[in-house]
Amino acid sequence: SFYEKAVAYSNAKNEQEVLKWYRKAADGGHVTAMYHVGWYYENALGD
């Protein structure tokens, strides 16, 4: 559900909220969210 919230905020182009929910999903063991957190760090997205 955290991951789905991240996707929803991604569609709204709110990068900080996207990152917040990807991180929550990743901390909860969501593998795809872990990838996205890595991508955000690599590309300086969100904050």
ModelCIF file with pLDDT and N, C-alpha, C, O atoms, coordinates in Angstrom:
data_MODEL
#
_entry.id   MODEL 
#
_entity.id                         1 
_entity.type                       polymer 
_entity.pdbx_number_of_molecules   1 
#
_entity_poly.entity_id                      1 
_entity_poly.type                           'polypeptide(L)' 
_entity_poly.nstd_linkage                   no 
_entity_poly.nstd_monomer                   no 
_entity_poly.pdbx_seq_one_letter_code       SFYEKAVAYSNAKNEQEVLKWYRKAADGGHVTAMYHVGWYYENALGD 
_entity_poly.pdbx_seq_one_letter_code_can   SFYEKAVAYSNAKNEQEVLKWYRKAADGGHVTAMYHVGWYYENALGD 
_entity_poly.pdbx_strand_id                 A 
#
loop_
_entity_poly_seq.entity_id 
_entity_poly_seq.num 
_entity_poly_seq.mon_id 
_entity_poly_seq.hetero 
1 1  SER n 
1 2  PHE n 
1 3  TYR n 
1 4  GLU n 
1 5  LYS n 
1 6  ALA n 
1 7  VAL n 
1 8  ALA n 
1 9  TYR n 
1 10 SER n 
1 11 ASN n 
1 12 ALA n 
1 13 LYS n 
1 14 ASN n 
1 15 GLU n 
1 16 GLN n 
1 17 GLU n 
1 18 VAL n 
1 19 LEU n 
1 20 LYS n 
1 21 TRP n 
1 22 TYR n 
1 23 ARG n 
1 24 LYS n 
1 25 ALA n 
1 26 ALA n 
1 27 ASP n 
1 28 GLY n 
1 29 GLY n 
1 30 HIS n 
1 31 VAL n 
1 32 THR n 
1 33 ALA n 
1 34 MET n 
1 35 TYR n 
1 36 HIS n 
1 37 VAL n 
1 38 GLY n 
1 39 TRP n 
1 40 TYR n 
1 41 TYR n 
1 42 GLU n 
1 43 ASN n 
1 44 ALA n 
1 45 LEU n 
1 46 GLY n 
1 47 ASP n 
#
_struct_asym.id          A 
_struct_asym.entity_id   1 
#
loop_
_ma_qa_metric.id 
_ma_qa_metric.mode 
_ma_qa_metric.name 
_ma_qa_metric.software_group_id 
_ma_qa_metric.type 
1 global pLDDT . pLDDT 
2 local  pLDDT . pLDDT 
#
_ma_qa_metric_global.metric_id      1 
_ma_qa_metric_global.metric_value   89.68 
_ma_qa_metric_global.model_id       1 
_ma_qa_metric_global.ordinal_id     1 
#
loop_
_ma_qa_metric_local.label_asym_id 
_ma_qa_metric_local.label_comp_id 
_ma_qa_metric_local.label_seq_id 
_ma_qa_metric_local.metric_id 
_ma_qa_metric_local.metric_value 
_ma_qa_metric_local.model_id 
_ma_qa_metric_local.ordinal_id 
A SER 1  2 88.00 1 1  
A PHE 2  2 87.00 1 2  
A TYR 3  2 87.00 1 3  
A GLU 4  2 88.00 1 4  
A LYS 5  2 83.00 1 5  
A ALA 6  2 86.00 1 6  
A VAL 7  2 86.00 1 7  
A ALA 8  2 85.00 1 8  
A TYR 9  2 82.00 1 9  
A SER 10 2 78.00 1 10 
A ASN 11 2 74.00 1 11 
A ALA 12 2 68.00 1 12 
A LYS 13 2 76.00 1 13 
A ASN 14 2 84.00 1 14 
A GLU 15 2 88.00 1 15 
A GLN 16 2 89.00 1 16 
A GLU 17 2 89.00 1 17 
A VAL 18 2 90.00 1 18 
A LEU 19 2 91.00 1 19 
A LYS 20 2 92.00 1 20 
A TRP 21 2 91.00 1 21 
A TYR 22 2 92.00 1 22 
A ARG 23 2 93.00 1 23 
A LYS 24 2 93.00 1 24 
A ALA 25 2 93.00 1 25 
A ALA 26 2 93.00 1 26 
A ASP 27 2 93.00 1 27 
A GLY 28 2 92.00 1 28 
A GLY 29 2 93.00 1 29 
A HIS 30 2 95.00 1 30 
A VAL 31 2 94.00 1 31 
A THR 32 2 93.00 1 32 
A ALA 33 2 95.00 1 33 
A MET 34 2 96.00 1 34 
A TYR 35 2 96.00 1 35 
A HIS 36 2 95.00 1 36 
A VAL 37 2 96.00 1 37 
A GLY 38 2 96.00 1 38 
A TRP 39 2 95.00 1 39 
A TYR 40 2 95.00 1 40 
A TYR 41 2 95.00 1 41 
A GLU 42 2 96.00 1 42 
A ASN 43 2 94.00 1 43 
A ALA 44 2 94.00 1 44 
A LEU 45 2 92.00 1 45 
A GLY 46 2 87.00 1 46 
A ASP 47 2 87.00 1 47 
#
loop_
_atom_site.group_PDB 
_atom_site.id 
_atom_site.type_symbol 
_atom_site.label_atom_id 
_atom_site.label_alt_id 
_atom_site.label_comp_id 
_atom_site.label_asym_id 
_atom_site.label_entity_id 
_atom_site.label_seq_id 
_atom_site.pdbx_PDB_ins_code 
_atom_site.Cartn_x 
_atom_site.Cartn_y 
_atom_site.Cartn_z 
_atom_site.occupancy 
_atom_site.B_iso_or_equiv 
_atom_site.pdbx_formal_charge 
_atom_site.auth_seq_id 
_atom_site.auth_comp_id 
_atom_site.auth_asym_id 
_atom_site.auth_atom_id 
_atom_site.pdbx_PDB_model_num 
ATOM 1   N N  . SER A 1 1  ? 0.838  -1.211 0.000   1.00 88.00 ? 1  SER A N  1 
ATOM 2   C CA . SER A 1 1  ? 0.000  0.000  0.000   1.00 88.00 ? 1  SER A CA 1 
ATOM 3   C C  . SER A 1 1  ? 0.868  1.254  0.000   1.00 88.00 ? 1  SER A C  1 
ATOM 4   O O  . SER A 1 1  ? 0.509  2.259  -0.615  1.00 88.00 ? 1  SER A O  1 
ATOM 5   N N  . PHE A 1 2  ? 2.018  1.200  0.693   1.00 87.00 ? 2  PHE A N  1 
ATOM 6   C CA . PHE A 1 2  ? 2.950  2.330  0.669   1.00 87.00 ? 2  PHE A CA 1 
ATOM 7   C C  . PHE A 1 2  ? 3.480  2.542  -0.753  1.00 87.00 ? 2  PHE A C  1 
ATOM 8   O O  . PHE A 1 2  ? 3.594  3.671  -1.231  1.00 87.00 ? 2  PHE A O  1 
ATOM 9   N N  . TYR A 1 3  ? 3.798  1.430  -1.411  1.00 87.00 ? 3  TYR A N  1 
ATOM 10  C CA . TYR A 1 3  ? 4.310  1.506  -2.779  1.00 87.00 ? 3  TYR A CA 1 
ATOM 11  C C  . TYR A 1 3  ? 3.269  2.126  -3.711  1.00 87.00 ? 3  TYR A C  1 
ATOM 12  O O  . TYR A 1 3  ? 3.596  2.962  -4.554  1.00 87.00 ? 3  TYR A O  1 
ATOM 13  N N  . GLU A 1 4  ? 2.024  1.712  -3.551  1.00 88.00 ? 4  GLU A N  1 
ATOM 14  C CA . GLU A 1 4  ? 0.948  2.242  -4.394  1.00 88.00 ? 4  GLU A CA 1 
ATOM 15  C C  . GLU A 1 4  ? 0.742  3.740  -4.165  1.00 88.00 ? 4  GLU A C  1 
ATOM 16  O O  . GLU A 1 4  ? 0.413  4.480  -5.093  1.00 88.00 ? 4  GLU A O  1 
ATOM 17  N N  . LYS A 1 5  ? 0.940  4.178  -2.911  1.00 83.00 ? 5  LYS A N  1 
ATOM 18  C CA . LYS A 1 5  ? 0.854  5.618  -2.637  1.00 83.00 ? 5  LYS A CA 1 
ATOM 19  C C  . LYS A 1 5  ? 1.980  6.365  -3.345  1.00 83.00 ? 5  LYS A C  1 
ATOM 20  O O  . LYS A 1 5  ? 1.776  7.457  -3.873  1.00 83.00 ? 5  LYS A O  1 
ATOM 21  N N  . ALA A 1 6  ? 3.178  5.760  -3.349  1.00 86.00 ? 6  ALA A N  1 
ATOM 22  C CA . ALA A 1 6  ? 4.309  6.381  -4.041  1.00 86.00 ? 6  ALA A CA 1 
ATOM 23  C C  . ALA A 1 6  ? 4.005  6.543  -5.525  1.00 86.00 ? 6  ALA A C  1 
ATOM 24  O O  . ALA A 1 6  ? 4.291  7.584  -6.116  1.00 86.00 ? 6  ALA A O  1 
ATOM 25  N N  . VAL A 1 7  ? 3.422  5.502  -6.123  1.00 86.00 ? 7  VAL A N  1 
ATOM 26  C CA . VAL A 1 7  ? 3.075  5.556  -7.542  1.00 86.00 ? 7  VAL A CA 1 
ATOM 27  C C  . VAL A 1 7  ? 2.039  6.647  -7.798  1.00 86.00 ? 7  VAL A C  1 
ATOM 28  O O  . VAL A 1 7  ? 2.123  7.372  -8.789  1.00 86.00 ? 7  VAL A O  1 
ATOM 29  N N  . ALA A 1 8  ? 1.069  6.758  -6.905  1.00 85.00 ? 8  ALA A N  1 
ATOM 30  C CA . ALA A 1 8  ? 0.028  7.779  -7.047  1.00 85.00 ? 8  ALA A CA 1 
ATOM 31  C C  . ALA A 1 8  ? 0.632  9.179  -7.002  1.00 85.00 ? 8  ALA A C  1 
ATOM 32  O O  . ALA A 1 8  ? 0.277  10.038 -7.809  1.00 85.00 ? 8  ALA A O  1 
ATOM 33  N N  . TYR A 1 9  ? 1.552  9.410  -6.050  1.00 82.00 ? 9  TYR A N  1 
ATOM 34  C CA . TYR A 1 9  ? 2.197  10.725 -5.967  1.00 82.00 ? 9  TYR A CA 1 
ATOM 35  C C  . TYR A 1 9  ? 3.126  10.967 -7.161  1.00 82.00 ? 9  TYR A C  1 
ATOM 36  O O  . TYR A 1 9  ? 3.332  12.106 -7.578  1.00 82.00 ? 9  TYR A O  1 
ATOM 37  N N  . SER A 1 10 ? 3.684  9.879  -7.703  1.00 78.00 ? 10 SER A N  1 
ATOM 38  C CA . SER A 1 10 ? 4.529  9.999  -8.893  1.00 78.00 ? 10 SER A CA 1 
ATOM 39  C C  . SER A 1 10 ? 3.715  10.530 -10.062 1.00 78.00 ? 10 SER A C  1 
ATOM 40  O O  . SER A 1 10 ? 4.189  11.373 -10.824 1.00 78.00 ? 10 SER A O  1 
ATOM 41  N N  . ASN A 1 11 ? 2.500  10.040 -10.201 1.00 74.00 ? 11 ASN A N  1 
ATOM 42  C CA . ASN A 1 11 ? 1.619  10.528 -11.263 1.00 74.00 ? 11 ASN A CA 1 
ATOM 43  C C  . ASN A 1 11 ? 1.276  12.003 -11.069 1.00 74.00 ? 11 ASN A C  1 
ATOM 44  O O  . ASN A 1 11 ? 1.028  12.728 -12.032 1.00 74.00 ? 11 ASN A O  1 
ATOM 45  N N  . ALA A 1 12 ? 1.267  12.434 -9.804  1.00 68.00 ? 12 ALA A N  1 
ATOM 46  C CA . ALA A 1 12 ? 0.993  13.843 -9.496  1.00 68.00 ? 12 ALA A CA 1 
ATOM 47  C C  . ALA A 1 12 ? 2.269  14.693 -9.522  1.00 68.00 ? 12 ALA A C  1 
ATOM 48  O O  . ALA A 1 12 ? 2.226  15.904 -9.303  1.00 68.00 ? 12 ALA A O  1 
ATOM 49  N N  . LYS A 1 13 ? 3.413  14.034 -9.796  1.00 76.00 ? 13 LYS A N  1 
ATOM 50  C CA . LYS A 1 13 ? 4.714  14.706 -9.901  1.00 76.00 ? 13 LYS A CA 1 
ATOM 51  C C  . LYS A 1 13 ? 5.111  15.431 -8.614  1.00 76.00 ? 13 LYS A C  1 
ATOM 52  O O  . LYS A 1 13 ? 5.626  16.548 -8.646  1.00 76.00 ? 13 LYS A O  1 
ATOM 53  N N  . ASN A 1 14 ? 4.861  14.767 -7.477  1.00 84.00 ? 14 ASN A N  1 
ATOM 54  C CA . ASN A 1 14 ? 5.275  15.296 -6.179  1.00 84.00 ? 14 ASN A CA 1 
ATOM 55  C C  . ASN A 1 14 ? 6.420  14.423 -5.673  1.00 84.00 ? 14 ASN A C  1 
ATOM 56  O O  . ASN A 1 14 ? 6.206  13.462 -4.934  1.00 84.00 ? 14 ASN A O  1 
ATOM 57  N N  . GLU A 1 15 ? 7.651  14.779 -6.089  1.00 88.00 ? 15 GLU A N  1 
ATOM 58  C CA . GLU A 1 15 ? 8.804  13.907 -5.869  1.00 88.00 ? 15 GLU A CA 1 
ATOM 59  C C  . GLU A 1 15 ? 9.116  13.658 -4.391  1.00 88.00 ? 15 GLU A C  1 
ATOM 60  O O  . GLU A 1 15 ? 9.531  12.556 -4.032  1.00 88.00 ? 15 GLU A O  1 
ATOM 61  N N  . GLN A 1 16 ? 8.925  14.651 -3.536  1.00 89.00 ? 16 GLN A N  1 
ATOM 62  C CA . GLN A 1 16 ? 9.232  14.455 -2.116  1.00 89.00 ? 16 GLN A CA 1 
ATOM 63  C C  . GLN A 1 16 ? 8.282  13.442 -1.480  1.00 89.00 ? 16 GLN A C  1 
ATOM 64  O O  . GLN A 1 16 ? 8.702  12.598 -0.689  1.00 89.00 ? 16 GLN A O  1 
ATOM 65  N N  . GLU A 1 17 ? 7.004  13.533 -1.830  1.00 89.00 ? 17 GLU A N  1 
ATOM 66  C CA . GLU A 1 17 ? 6.043  12.558 -1.314  1.00 89.00 ? 17 GLU A CA 1 
ATOM 67  C C  . GLU A 1 17 ? 6.302  11.172 -1.890  1.00 89.00 ? 17 GLU A C  1 
ATOM 68  O O  . GLU A 1 17 ? 6.166  10.162 -1.199  1.00 89.00 ? 17 GLU A O  1 
ATOM 69  N N  . VAL A 1 18 ? 6.675  11.140 -3.160  1.00 90.00 ? 18 VAL A N  1 
ATOM 70  C CA . VAL A 1 18 ? 7.006  9.854  -3.798  1.00 90.00 ? 18 VAL A CA 1 
ATOM 71  C C  . VAL A 1 18 ? 8.121  9.169  -3.023  1.00 90.00 ? 18 VAL A C  1 
ATOM 72  O O  . VAL A 1 18 ? 8.020  7.993  -2.672  1.00 90.00 ? 18 VAL A O  1 
ATOM 73  N N  . LEU A 1 19 ? 9.190  9.922  -2.760  1.00 91.00 ? 19 LEU A N  1 
ATOM 74  C CA . LEU A 1 19 ? 10.330 9.365  -2.043  1.00 91.00 ? 19 LEU A CA 1 
ATOM 75  C C  . LEU A 1 19 ? 9.925  8.883  -0.656  1.00 91.00 ? 19 LEU A C  1 
ATOM 76  O O  . LEU A 1 19 ? 10.345 7.808  -0.230  1.00 91.00 ? 19 LEU A O  1 
ATOM 77  N N  . LYS A 1 20 ? 9.116  9.666  0.051   1.00 92.00 ? 20 LYS A N  1 
ATOM 78  C CA . LYS A 1 20 ? 8.689  9.292  1.403   1.00 92.00 ? 20 LYS A CA 1 
ATOM 79  C C  . LYS A 1 20 ? 8.010  7.923  1.400   1.00 92.00 ? 20 LYS A C  1 
ATOM 80  O O  . LYS A 1 20 ? 8.290  7.085  2.258   1.00 92.00 ? 20 LYS A O  1 
ATOM 81  N N  . TRP A 1 21 ? 7.120  7.698  0.438   1.00 91.00 ? 21 TRP A N  1 
ATOM 82  C CA . TRP A 1 21 ? 6.372  6.441  0.415   1.00 91.00 ? 21 TRP A CA 1 
ATOM 83  C C  . TRP A 1 21 ? 7.181  5.289  -0.164  1.00 91.00 ? 21 TRP A C  1 
ATOM 84  O O  . TRP A 1 21 ? 7.001  4.139  0.236   1.00 91.00 ? 21 TRP A O  1 
ATOM 85  N N  . TYR A 1 22 ? 8.080  5.595  -1.109  1.00 92.00 ? 22 TYR A N  1 
ATOM 86  C CA . TYR A 1 22 ? 8.988  4.539  -1.577  1.00 92.00 ? 22 TYR A CA 1 
ATOM 87  C C  . TYR A 1 22 ? 9.861  4.049  -0.431  1.00 92.00 ? 22 TYR A C  1 
ATOM 88  O O  . TYR A 1 22 ? 10.092 2.850  -0.276  1.00 92.00 ? 22 TYR A O  1 
ATOM 89  N N  . ARG A 1 23 ? 10.343 5.002  0.371   1.00 93.00 ? 23 ARG A N  1 
ATOM 90  C CA . ARG A 1 23 ? 11.211 4.619  1.491   1.00 93.00 ? 23 ARG A CA 1 
ATOM 91  C C  . ARG A 1 23 ? 10.453 3.774  2.513   1.00 93.00 ? 23 ARG A C  1 
ATOM 92  O O  . ARG A 1 23 ? 10.983 2.789  3.028   1.00 93.00 ? 23 ARG A O  1 
ATOM 93  N N  . LYS A 1 24 ? 9.203  4.167  2.805   1.00 93.00 ? 24 LYS A N  1 
ATOM 94  C CA . LYS A 1 24 ? 8.390  3.381  3.742   1.00 93.00 ? 24 LYS A CA 1 
ATOM 95  C C  . LYS A 1 24 ? 8.169  1.967  3.197   1.00 93.00 ? 24 LYS A C  1 
ATOM 96  O O  . LYS A 1 24 ? 8.272  0.984  3.930   1.00 93.00 ? 24 LYS A O  1 
ATOM 97  N N  . ALA A 1 25 ? 7.863  1.884  1.899   1.00 93.00 ? 25 ALA A N  1 
ATOM 98  C CA . ALA A 1 25 ? 7.644  0.579  1.281   1.00 93.00 ? 25 ALA A CA 1 
ATOM 99  C C  . ALA A 1 25 ? 8.927  -0.244 1.293   1.00 93.00 ? 25 ALA A C  1 
ATOM 100 O O  . ALA A 1 25 ? 8.894  -1.444 1.566   1.00 93.00 ? 25 ALA A O  1 
ATOM 101 N N  . ALA A 1 26 ? 10.062 0.401  0.996   1.00 93.00 ? 26 ALA A N  1 
ATOM 102 C CA . ALA A 1 26 ? 11.354 -0.289 0.987   1.00 93.00 ? 26 ALA A CA 1 
ATOM 103 C C  . ALA A 1 26 ? 11.708 -0.790 2.381   1.00 93.00 ? 26 ALA A C  1 
ATOM 104 O O  . ALA A 1 26 ? 12.180 -1.916 2.537   1.00 93.00 ? 26 ALA A O  1 
ATOM 105 N N  . ASP A 1 27 ? 11.481 0.044  3.394   1.00 93.00 ? 27 ASP A N  1 
ATOM 106 C CA . ASP A 1 27 ? 11.748 -0.374 4.774   1.00 93.00 ? 27 ASP A CA 1 
ATOM 107 C C  . ASP A 1 27 ? 10.853 -1.547 5.171   1.00 93.00 ? 27 ASP A C  1 
ATOM 108 O O  . ASP A 1 27 ? 11.195 -2.335 6.053   1.00 93.00 ? 27 ASP A O  1 
ATOM 109 N N  . GLY A 1 28 ? 9.691  -1.650 4.497   1.00 92.00 ? 28 GLY A N  1 
ATOM 110 C CA . GLY A 1 28 ? 8.780  -2.756 4.760   1.00 92.00 ? 28 GLY A CA 1 
ATOM 111 C C  . GLY A 1 28 ? 9.078  -3.994 3.942   1.00 92.00 ? 28 GLY A C  1 
ATOM 112 O O  . GLY A 1 28 ? 8.352  -4.984 4.027   1.00 92.00 ? 28 GLY A O  1 
ATOM 113 N N  . GLY A 1 29 ? 10.159 -3.950 3.136   1.00 93.00 ? 29 GLY A N  1 
ATOM 114 C CA . GLY A 1 29 ? 10.577 -5.137 2.398   1.00 93.00 ? 29 GLY A CA 1 
ATOM 115 C C  . GLY A 1 29 ? 10.135 -5.177 0.950   1.00 93.00 ? 29 GLY A C  1 
ATOM 116 O O  . GLY A 1 29 ? 10.286 -6.208 0.295   1.00 93.00 ? 29 GLY A O  1 
ATOM 117 N N  . HIS A 1 30 ? 9.586  -4.071 0.423   1.00 95.00 ? 30 HIS A N  1 
ATOM 118 C CA . HIS A 1 30 ? 9.129  -4.049 -0.966  1.00 95.00 ? 30 HIS A CA 1 
ATOM 119 C C  . HIS A 1 30 ? 10.334 -3.866 -1.890  1.00 95.00 ? 30 HIS A C  1 
ATOM 120 O O  . HIS A 1 30 ? 10.979 -2.817 -1.885  1.00 95.00 ? 30 HIS A O  1 
ATOM 121 N N  . VAL A 1 31 ? 10.629 -4.900 -2.684  1.00 94.00 ? 31 VAL A N  1 
ATOM 122 C CA . VAL A 1 31 ? 11.865 -4.936 -3.474  1.00 94.00 ? 31 VAL A CA 1 
ATOM 123 C C  . VAL A 1 31 ? 11.887 -3.856 -4.558  1.00 94.00 ? 31 VAL A C  1 
ATOM 124 O O  . VAL A 1 31 ? 12.908 -3.193 -4.740  1.00 94.00 ? 31 VAL A O  1 
ATOM 125 N N  . THR A 1 32 ? 10.793 -3.671 -5.270  1.00 93.00 ? 32 THR A N  1 
ATOM 126 C CA . THR A 1 32 ? 10.764 -2.647 -6.321  1.00 93.00 ? 32 THR A CA 1 
ATOM 127 C C  . THR A 1 32 ? 10.946 -1.254 -5.734  1.00 93.00 ? 32 THR A C  1 
ATOM 128 O O  . THR A 1 32 ? 11.580 -0.394 -6.347  1.00 93.00 ? 32 THR A O  1 
ATOM 129 N N  . ALA A 1 33 ? 10.393 -1.035 -4.555  1.00 95.00 ? 33 ALA A N  1 
ATOM 130 C CA . ALA A 1 33 ? 10.572 0.254  -3.886  1.00 95.00 ? 33 ALA A CA 1 
ATOM 131 C C  . ALA A 1 33 ? 12.043 0.483  -3.540  1.00 95.00 ? 33 ALA A C  1 
ATOM 132 O O  . ALA A 1 33 ? 12.531 1.610  -3.623  1.00 95.00 ? 33 ALA A O  1 
ATOM 133 N N  . MET A 1 34 ? 12.749 -0.576 -3.154  1.00 96.00 ? 34 MET A N  1 
ATOM 134 C CA . MET A 1 34 ? 14.185 -0.454 -2.868  1.00 96.00 ? 34 MET A CA 1 
ATOM 135 C C  . MET A 1 34 ? 14.930 0.056  -4.096  1.00 96.00 ? 34 MET A C  1 
ATOM 136 O O  . MET A 1 34 ? 15.799 0.921  -3.993  1.00 96.00 ? 34 MET A O  1 
ATOM 137 N N  . TYR A 1 35 ? 14.578 -0.495 -5.266  1.00 96.00 ? 35 TYR A N  1 
ATOM 138 C CA . TYR A 1 35 ? 15.192 -0.036 -6.508  1.00 96.00 ? 35 TYR A CA 1 
ATOM 139 C C  . TYR A 1 35 ? 14.929 1.457  -6.708  1.00 96.00 ? 35 TYR A C  1 
ATOM 140 O O  . TYR A 1 35 ? 15.842 2.206  -7.054  1.00 96.00 ? 35 TYR A O  1 
ATOM 141 N N  . HIS A 1 36 ? 13.699 1.886  -6.494  1.00 95.00 ? 36 HIS A N  1 
ATOM 142 C CA . HIS A 1 36 ? 13.349 3.286  -6.717  1.00 95.00 ? 36 HIS A CA 1 
ATOM 143 C C  . HIS A 1 36 ? 14.073 4.213  -5.744  1.00 95.00 ? 36 HIS A C  1 
ATOM 144 O O  . HIS A 1 36 ? 14.473 5.313  -6.124  1.00 95.00 ? 36 HIS A O  1 
ATOM 145 N N  . VAL A 1 37 ? 14.244 3.786  -4.499  1.00 96.00 ? 37 VAL A N  1 
ATOM 146 C CA . VAL A 1 37 ? 15.007 4.603  -3.545  1.00 96.00 ? 37 VAL A CA 1 
ATOM 147 C C  . VAL A 1 37 ? 16.436 4.778  -4.062  1.00 96.00 ? 37 VAL A C  1 
ATOM 148 O O  . VAL A 1 37 ? 16.994 5.874  -4.005  1.00 96.00 ? 37 VAL A O  1 
ATOM 149 N N  . GLY A 1 38 ? 17.020 3.696  -4.565  1.00 96.00 ? 38 GLY A N  1 
ATOM 150 C CA . GLY A 1 38 ? 18.353 3.783  -5.159  1.00 96.00 ? 38 GLY A CA 1 
ATOM 151 C C  . GLY A 1 38 ? 18.396 4.756  -6.316  1.00 96.00 ? 38 GLY A C  1 
ATOM 152 O O  . GLY A 1 38 ? 19.330 5.548  -6.442  1.00 96.00 ? 38 GLY A O  1 
ATOM 153 N N  . TRP A 1 39 ? 17.372 4.693  -7.165  1.00 95.00 ? 39 TRP A N  1 
ATOM 154 C CA . TRP A 1 39 ? 17.302 5.593  -8.320  1.00 95.00 ? 39 TRP A CA 1 
ATOM 155 C C  . TRP A 1 39 ? 17.212 7.050  -7.871  1.00 95.00 ? 39 TRP A C  1 
ATOM 156 O O  . TRP A 1 39 ? 17.818 7.928  -8.486  1.00 95.00 ? 39 TRP A O  1 
ATOM 157 N N  . TYR A 1 40 ? 16.462 7.309  -6.806  1.00 95.00 ? 40 TYR A N  1 
ATOM 158 C CA . TYR A 1 40 ? 16.324 8.678  -6.293  1.00 95.00 ? 40 TYR A CA 1 
ATOM 159 C C  . TYR A 1 40 ? 17.662 9.194  -5.768  1.00 95.00 ? 40 TYR A C  1 
ATOM 160 O O  . TYR A 1 40 ? 18.004 10.359 -5.969  1.00 95.00 ? 40 TYR A O  1 
ATOM 161 N N  . TYR A 1 41 ? 18.421 8.322  -5.091  1.00 95.00 ? 41 TYR A N  1 
ATOM 162 C CA . TYR A 1 41 ? 19.743 8.746  -4.619  1.00 95.00 ? 41 TYR A CA 1 
ATOM 163 C C  . TYR A 1 41 ? 20.696 8.969  -5.787  1.00 95.00 ? 41 TYR A C  1 
ATOM 164 O O  . TYR A 1 41 ? 21.476 9.921  -5.774  1.00 95.00 ? 41 TYR A O  1 
ATOM 165 N N  . GLU A 1 42 ? 20.642 8.108  -6.791  1.00 96.00 ? 42 GLU A N  1 
ATOM 166 C CA . GLU A 1 42 ? 21.555 8.238  -7.923  1.00 96.00 ? 42 GLU A CA 1 
ATOM 167 C C  . GLU A 1 42 ? 21.314 9.522  -8.702  1.00 96.00 ? 42 GLU A C  1 
ATOM 168 O O  . GLU A 1 42 ? 22.253 10.140 -9.204  1.00 96.00 ? 42 GLU A O  1 
ATOM 169 N N  . ASN A 1 43 ? 20.049 9.919  -8.801  1.00 94.00 ? 43 ASN A N  1 
ATOM 170 C CA . ASN A 1 43 ? 19.693 11.041 -9.660  1.00 94.00 ? 43 ASN A CA 1 
ATOM 171 C C  . ASN A 1 43 ? 19.280 12.313 -8.909  1.00 94.00 ? 43 ASN A C  1 
ATOM 172 O O  . ASN A 1 43 ? 18.764 13.258 -9.505  1.00 94.00 ? 43 ASN A O  1 
ATOM 173 N N  . ALA A 1 44 ? 19.518 12.320 -7.578  1.00 94.00 ? 44 ALA A N  1 
ATOM 174 C CA . ALA A 1 44 ? 19.239 13.512 -6.758  1.00 94.00 ? 44 ALA A CA 1 
ATOM 175 C C  . ALA A 1 44 ? 17.792 13.972 -6.917  1.00 94.00 ? 44 ALA A C  1 
ATOM 176 O O  . ALA A 1 44 ? 17.529 15.144 -7.187  1.00 94.00 ? 44 ALA A O  1 
ATOM 177 N N  . LEU A 1 45 ? 16.865 13.044 -6.748  1.00 92.00 ? 45 LEU A N  1 
ATOM 178 C CA . LEU A 1 45 ? 15.446 13.370 -6.852  1.00 92.00 ? 45 LEU A CA 1 
ATOM 179 C C  . LEU A 1 45 ? 14.841 13.587 -5.466  1.00 92.00 ? 45 LEU A C  1 
ATOM 180 O O  . LEU A 1 45 ? 15.457 13.269 -4.448  1.00 92.00 ? 45 LEU A O  1 
ATOM 181 N N  . GLY A 1 46 ? 13.626 14.132 -5.445  1.00 87.00 ? 46 GLY A N  1 
ATOM 182 C CA . GLY A 1 46 ? 13.017 14.435 -4.161  1.00 87.00 ? 46 GLY A CA 1 
ATOM 183 C C  . GLY A 1 46 ? 13.819 15.527 -3.481  1.00 87.00 ? 46 GLY A C  1 
ATOM 184 O O  . GLY A 1 46 ? 14.148 16.535 -4.105  1.00 87.00 ? 46 GLY A O  1 
ATOM 185 N N  . ASP A 1 47 ? 14.136 15.339 -2.213  1.00 87.00 ? 47 ASP A N  1 
ATOM 186 C CA . ASP A 1 47 ? 14.954 16.322 -1.504  1.00 87.00 ? 47 ASP A CA 1 
ATOM 187 C C  . ASP A 1 47 ? 16.360 15.789 -1.256  1.00 87.00 ? 47 ASP A C  1 
ATOM 188 O O  . ASP A 1 47 ? 17.189 16.484 -0.668  1.00 87.00 ? 47 ASP A O  1 
#
